[in-house]
Amino acid sequence: GVRNPSGVVMSRIKKVVTTDELVAIFVDVNALDRTCEQKLMSLTPEQRAEVIAPGIYLQNVRNASTAVRTRIGNVLAGKEAMDRPPLRD
């Protein structure tokens, strides 16, 4: 068995599709709203790749578009897409 079947599938997909095609899949799979999709498409190809790098399918989020907007903000701020603010005391 494979430890991460989703990761294996994604690595195979990345070998045969362009970043733009992968972004289109990301938008469709996560049912992102139009505003979020436009913001994502306004990024450079490298920035788009960083936003989707943590995973093509968003899990454990209430609102996928909000989660992606947070990833976009992190990437634009020069952070990792999944960077989280420090915990408060």
N, C-alpha and C. Protein backbone atom coordinates (compact mmCIF):
# COMPACT_ATOMS: atom_id res chain seq x y z
N GLY A 1 0.81 -1.19 0.00
CA GLY A 1 0.00 0.00 0.00
C GLY A 1 0.85 1.26 0.00
N VAL A 2 0.25 2.31 -0.44
CA VAL A 2 0.90 3.61 -0.50
C VAL A 2 0.45 4.44 0.70
N ARG A 3 1.38 5.17 1.29
CA ARG A 3 1.05 6.00 2.46
C ARG A 3 0.09 7.13 2.13
N ASN A 4 0.33 7.77 0.98
CA ASN A 4 -0.48 8.93 0.62
C ASN A 4 -0.96 8.78 -0.83
N PRO A 5 -2.04 8.04 -1.05
CA PRO A 5 -2.51 7.82 -2.43
C PRO A 5 -2.83 9.12 -3.15
N SER A 6 -3.39 10.09 -2.43
CA SER A 6 -3.71 11.38 -3.06
C SER A 6 -2.44 12.06 -3.57
N GLY A 7 -1.37 11.98 -2.78
CA GLY A 7 -0.09 12.57 -3.19
C GLY A 7 0.48 11.91 -4.43
N VAL A 8 0.31 10.60 -4.53
CA VAL A 8 0.79 9.87 -5.71
C VAL A 8 0.02 10.31 -6.95
N VAL A 9 -1.30 10.40 -6.81
CA VAL A 9 -2.13 10.84 -7.93
C VAL A 9 -1.74 12.25 -8.36
N MET A 10 -1.57 13.15 -7.38
CA MET A 10 -1.22 14.54 -7.71
C MET A 10 0.14 14.63 -8.39
N SER A 11 1.11 13.85 -7.95
CA SER A 11 2.43 13.91 -8.59
C SER A 11 2.34 13.46 -10.04
N ARG A 12 1.47 12.50 -10.32
CA ARG A 12 1.28 12.03 -11.69
C ARG A 12 0.56 13.09 -12.53
N ILE A 13 -0.45 13.72 -11.95
CA ILE A 13 -1.19 14.77 -12.67
C ILE A 13 -0.26 15.93 -13.00
N LYS A 14 0.58 16.35 -12.05
CA LYS A 14 1.48 17.48 -12.25
C LYS A 14 2.45 17.25 -13.41
N LYS A 15 2.73 15.98 -13.71
CA LYS A 15 3.65 15.66 -14.80
C LYS A 15 3.02 15.87 -16.17
N VAL A 16 1.68 15.88 -16.26
CA VAL A 16 1.04 15.92 -17.57
C VAL A 16 0.16 17.15 -17.82
N VAL A 17 -0.01 18.02 -16.83
CA VAL A 17 -0.83 19.22 -17.04
C VAL A 17 -0.02 20.48 -16.75
N THR A 18 -0.45 21.57 -17.34
CA THR A 18 0.20 22.86 -17.09
C THR A 18 -0.29 23.42 -15.76
N THR A 19 0.41 24.42 -15.26
CA THR A 19 -0.02 25.07 -14.01
C THR A 19 -1.42 25.64 -14.17
N ASP A 20 -1.72 26.25 -15.32
CA ASP A 20 -3.05 26.82 -15.55
C ASP A 20 -4.13 25.75 -15.51
N GLU A 21 -3.85 24.58 -16.09
CA GLU A 21 -4.82 23.48 -16.06
C GLU A 21 -5.01 22.99 -14.62
N LEU A 22 -3.92 22.92 -13.87
CA LEU A 22 -4.00 22.49 -12.48
C LEU A 22 -4.80 23.49 -11.65
N VAL A 23 -4.62 24.78 -11.93
CA VAL A 23 -5.38 25.82 -11.23
C VAL A 23 -6.87 25.68 -11.56
N ALA A 24 -7.19 25.42 -12.82
CA ALA A 24 -8.60 25.23 -13.21
C ALA A 24 -9.21 24.05 -12.47
N ILE A 25 -8.46 22.97 -12.33
CA ILE A 25 -8.94 21.81 -11.58
C ILE A 25 -9.15 22.20 -10.12
N PHE A 26 -8.19 22.93 -9.56
CA PHE A 26 -8.25 23.40 -8.16
C PHE A 26 -9.50 24.23 -7.93
N VAL A 27 -9.80 25.14 -8.85
CA VAL A 27 -10.99 26.00 -8.74
C VAL A 27 -12.26 25.14 -8.79
N ASP A 28 -12.32 24.21 -9.72
CA ASP A 28 -13.51 23.36 -9.87
C ASP A 28 -13.71 22.42 -8.69
N VAL A 29 -12.66 21.73 -8.29
CA VAL A 29 -12.76 20.74 -7.22
C VAL A 29 -13.22 21.39 -5.91
N ASN A 30 -12.76 22.61 -5.68
CA ASN A 30 -13.07 23.29 -4.42
C ASN A 30 -14.25 24.26 -4.54
N ALA A 31 -14.86 24.32 -5.72
CA ALA A 31 -16.02 25.20 -5.95
C ALA A 31 -15.76 26.62 -5.46
N LEU A 32 -14.62 27.18 -5.89
CA LEU A 32 -14.26 28.54 -5.47
C LEU A 32 -15.18 29.56 -6.11
N ASP A 33 -15.46 30.64 -5.39
CA ASP A 33 -16.32 31.68 -5.95
C ASP A 33 -15.54 32.47 -7.00
N ARG A 34 -16.29 33.22 -7.81
CA ARG A 34 -15.72 33.95 -8.95
C ARG A 34 -14.65 34.95 -8.50
N THR A 35 -14.90 35.66 -7.42
CA THR A 35 -13.94 36.65 -6.93
C THR A 35 -12.62 35.99 -6.56
N CYS A 36 -12.71 34.86 -5.88
CA CYS A 36 -11.52 34.13 -5.48
C CYS A 36 -10.77 33.62 -6.71
N GLU A 37 -11.51 33.10 -7.66
CA GLU A 37 -10.89 32.61 -8.90
C GLU A 37 -10.16 33.74 -9.61
N GLN A 38 -10.77 34.90 -9.70
CA GLN A 38 -10.13 36.04 -10.37
C GLN A 38 -8.87 36.47 -9.64
N LYS A 39 -8.92 36.49 -8.32
CA LYS A 39 -7.75 36.86 -7.53
C LYS A 39 -6.62 35.86 -7.75
N LEU A 40 -6.97 34.58 -7.79
CA LEU A 40 -5.99 33.53 -8.03
C LEU A 40 -5.36 33.68 -9.42
N MET A 41 -6.19 33.97 -10.41
CA MET A 41 -5.69 34.10 -11.79
C MET A 41 -4.86 35.37 -11.99
N SER A 42 -4.99 36.35 -11.09
CA SER A 42 -4.20 37.58 -11.22
C SER A 42 -2.77 37.39 -10.73
N LEU A 43 -2.50 36.27 -10.07
CA LEU A 43 -1.15 35.99 -9.58
C LEU A 43 -0.26 35.50 -10.72
N THR A 44 1.05 35.54 -10.48
CA THR A 44 1.99 34.98 -11.46
C THR A 44 1.84 33.45 -11.43
N PRO A 45 2.27 32.77 -12.47
CA PRO A 45 2.20 31.30 -12.47
C PRO A 45 2.92 30.69 -11.26
N GLU A 46 4.04 31.28 -10.87
CA GLU A 46 4.79 30.78 -9.72
C GLU A 46 3.98 30.95 -8.43
N GLN A 47 3.34 32.11 -8.28
CA GLN A 47 2.52 32.35 -7.09
C GLN A 47 1.32 31.40 -7.05
N ARG A 48 0.70 31.18 -8.21
CA ARG A 48 -0.43 30.24 -8.27
C ARG A 48 0.01 28.85 -7.84
N ALA A 49 1.17 28.43 -8.31
CA ALA A 49 1.70 27.11 -7.94
C ALA A 49 1.93 27.03 -6.44
N GLU A 50 2.40 28.12 -5.82
CA GLU A 50 2.61 28.14 -4.37
C GLU A 50 1.28 28.01 -3.62
N VAL A 51 0.25 28.68 -4.13
CA VAL A 51 -1.06 28.64 -3.47
C VAL A 51 -1.64 27.23 -3.48
N ILE A 52 -1.47 26.51 -4.58
CA ILE A 52 -2.05 25.17 -4.65
C ILE A 52 -1.11 24.07 -4.15
N ALA A 53 0.15 24.42 -3.91
CA ALA A 53 1.14 23.42 -3.48
C ALA A 53 0.75 22.62 -2.24
N PRO A 54 0.14 23.23 -1.21
CA PRO A 54 -0.20 22.44 -0.03
C PRO A 54 -1.25 21.35 -0.28
N GLY A 55 -1.95 21.45 -1.38
CA GLY A 55 -2.93 20.41 -1.69
C GLY A 55 -3.99 20.91 -2.64
N ILE A 56 -4.35 20.05 -3.58
CA ILE A 56 -5.32 20.42 -4.61
C ILE A 56 -6.75 20.42 -4.05
N TYR A 57 -7.00 19.57 -3.06
CA TYR A 57 -8.34 19.48 -2.48
C TYR A 57 -8.29 19.98 -1.05
N LEU A 58 -9.05 21.04 -0.78
CA LEU A 58 -9.06 21.62 0.55
C LEU A 58 -9.92 20.77 1.48
N GLN A 59 -9.37 20.42 2.60
CA GLN A 59 -10.09 19.61 3.57
C GLN A 59 -10.18 20.36 4.89
N ASN A 60 -11.21 20.06 5.64
CA ASN A 60 -11.40 20.63 6.98
C ASN A 60 -11.47 22.16 6.98
N VAL A 61 -12.13 22.71 5.97
CA VAL A 61 -12.35 24.16 5.94
C VAL A 61 -13.85 24.41 5.77
N ARG A 62 -14.34 25.45 6.41
CA ARG A 62 -15.77 25.78 6.29
C ARG A 62 -16.06 26.43 4.95
N ASN A 63 -15.14 27.29 4.51
CA ASN A 63 -15.35 28.04 3.27
C ASN A 63 -14.07 27.98 2.46
N ALA A 64 -14.09 27.22 1.36
CA ALA A 64 -12.89 27.02 0.55
C ALA A 64 -12.36 28.33 -0.02
N SER A 65 -13.26 29.22 -0.45
CA SER A 65 -12.81 30.48 -1.04
C SER A 65 -12.07 31.33 0.00
N THR A 66 -12.56 31.35 1.22
CA THR A 66 -11.89 32.10 2.28
C THR A 66 -10.52 31.49 2.57
N ALA A 67 -10.44 30.17 2.59
CA ALA A 67 -9.16 29.50 2.83
C ALA A 67 -8.16 29.83 1.73
N VAL A 68 -8.62 29.86 0.49
CA VAL A 68 -7.73 30.17 -0.63
C VAL A 68 -7.31 31.63 -0.59
N ARG A 69 -8.22 32.53 -0.24
CA ARG A 69 -7.84 33.94 -0.11
C ARG A 69 -6.76 34.12 0.96
N THR A 70 -6.84 33.34 2.03
CA THR A 70 -5.80 33.39 3.07
C THR A 70 -4.47 32.89 2.51
N ARG A 71 -4.51 31.79 1.75
CA ARG A 71 -3.29 31.28 1.12
C ARG A 71 -2.70 32.35 0.19
N ILE A 72 -3.55 33.00 -0.61
CA ILE A 72 -3.09 34.03 -1.54
C ILE A 72 -2.42 35.17 -0.77
N GLY A 73 -3.06 35.63 0.30
CA GLY A 73 -2.49 36.69 1.12
C GLY A 73 -1.14 36.31 1.69
N ASN A 74 -1.02 35.07 2.15
CA ASN A 74 0.26 34.60 2.67
C ASN A 74 1.34 34.61 1.60
N VAL A 75 1.01 34.11 0.42
CA VAL A 75 1.99 34.06 -0.68
C VAL A 75 2.40 35.48 -1.07
N LEU A 76 1.44 36.39 -1.16
CA LEU A 76 1.76 37.78 -1.52
C LEU A 76 2.61 38.46 -0.45
N ALA A 77 2.50 37.99 0.80
CA ALA A 77 3.29 38.55 1.89
C ALA A 77 4.66 37.87 2.02
N GLY A 78 4.93 36.95 1.09
CA GLY A 78 6.23 36.28 1.10
C GLY A 78 6.32 35.13 2.08
N LYS A 79 5.17 34.64 2.54
CA LYS A 79 5.14 33.53 3.49
C LYS A 79 4.75 32.25 2.76
N GLU A 80 4.80 31.14 3.50
CA GLU A 80 4.28 29.88 2.97
C GLU A 80 2.76 30.00 2.85
N ALA A 81 2.17 29.32 1.88
CA ALA A 81 0.72 29.40 1.66
C ALA A 81 -0.06 29.02 2.91
N MET A 82 0.41 28.05 3.65
CA MET A 82 -0.31 27.56 4.82
C MET A 82 0.21 28.17 6.12
N ASP A 83 0.97 29.24 6.04
CA ASP A 83 1.52 29.89 7.23
C ASP A 83 0.37 30.34 8.13
N ARG A 84 0.52 30.08 9.40
CA ARG A 84 -0.53 30.47 10.35
C ARG A 84 0.01 31.51 11.31
N PRO A 85 -0.85 32.42 11.77
CA PRO A 85 -0.39 33.40 12.74
C PRO A 85 -0.02 32.71 14.05
N PRO A 86 0.91 33.30 14.79
CA PRO A 86 1.29 32.68 16.07
C PRO A 86 0.11 32.64 17.03
N LEU A 87 0.10 31.65 17.88
CA LEU A 87 -0.95 31.53 18.88
C LEU A 87 -0.80 32.61 19.93
N ARG A 88 -1.92 33.13 20.38
CA ARG A 88 -1.88 34.16 21.42
C ARG A 88 -1.88 33.50 22.79
N ASP A 89 -1.25 34.17 23.73
CA ASP A 89 -1.25 33.67 25.12
C ASP A 89 -2.52 34.01 25.81
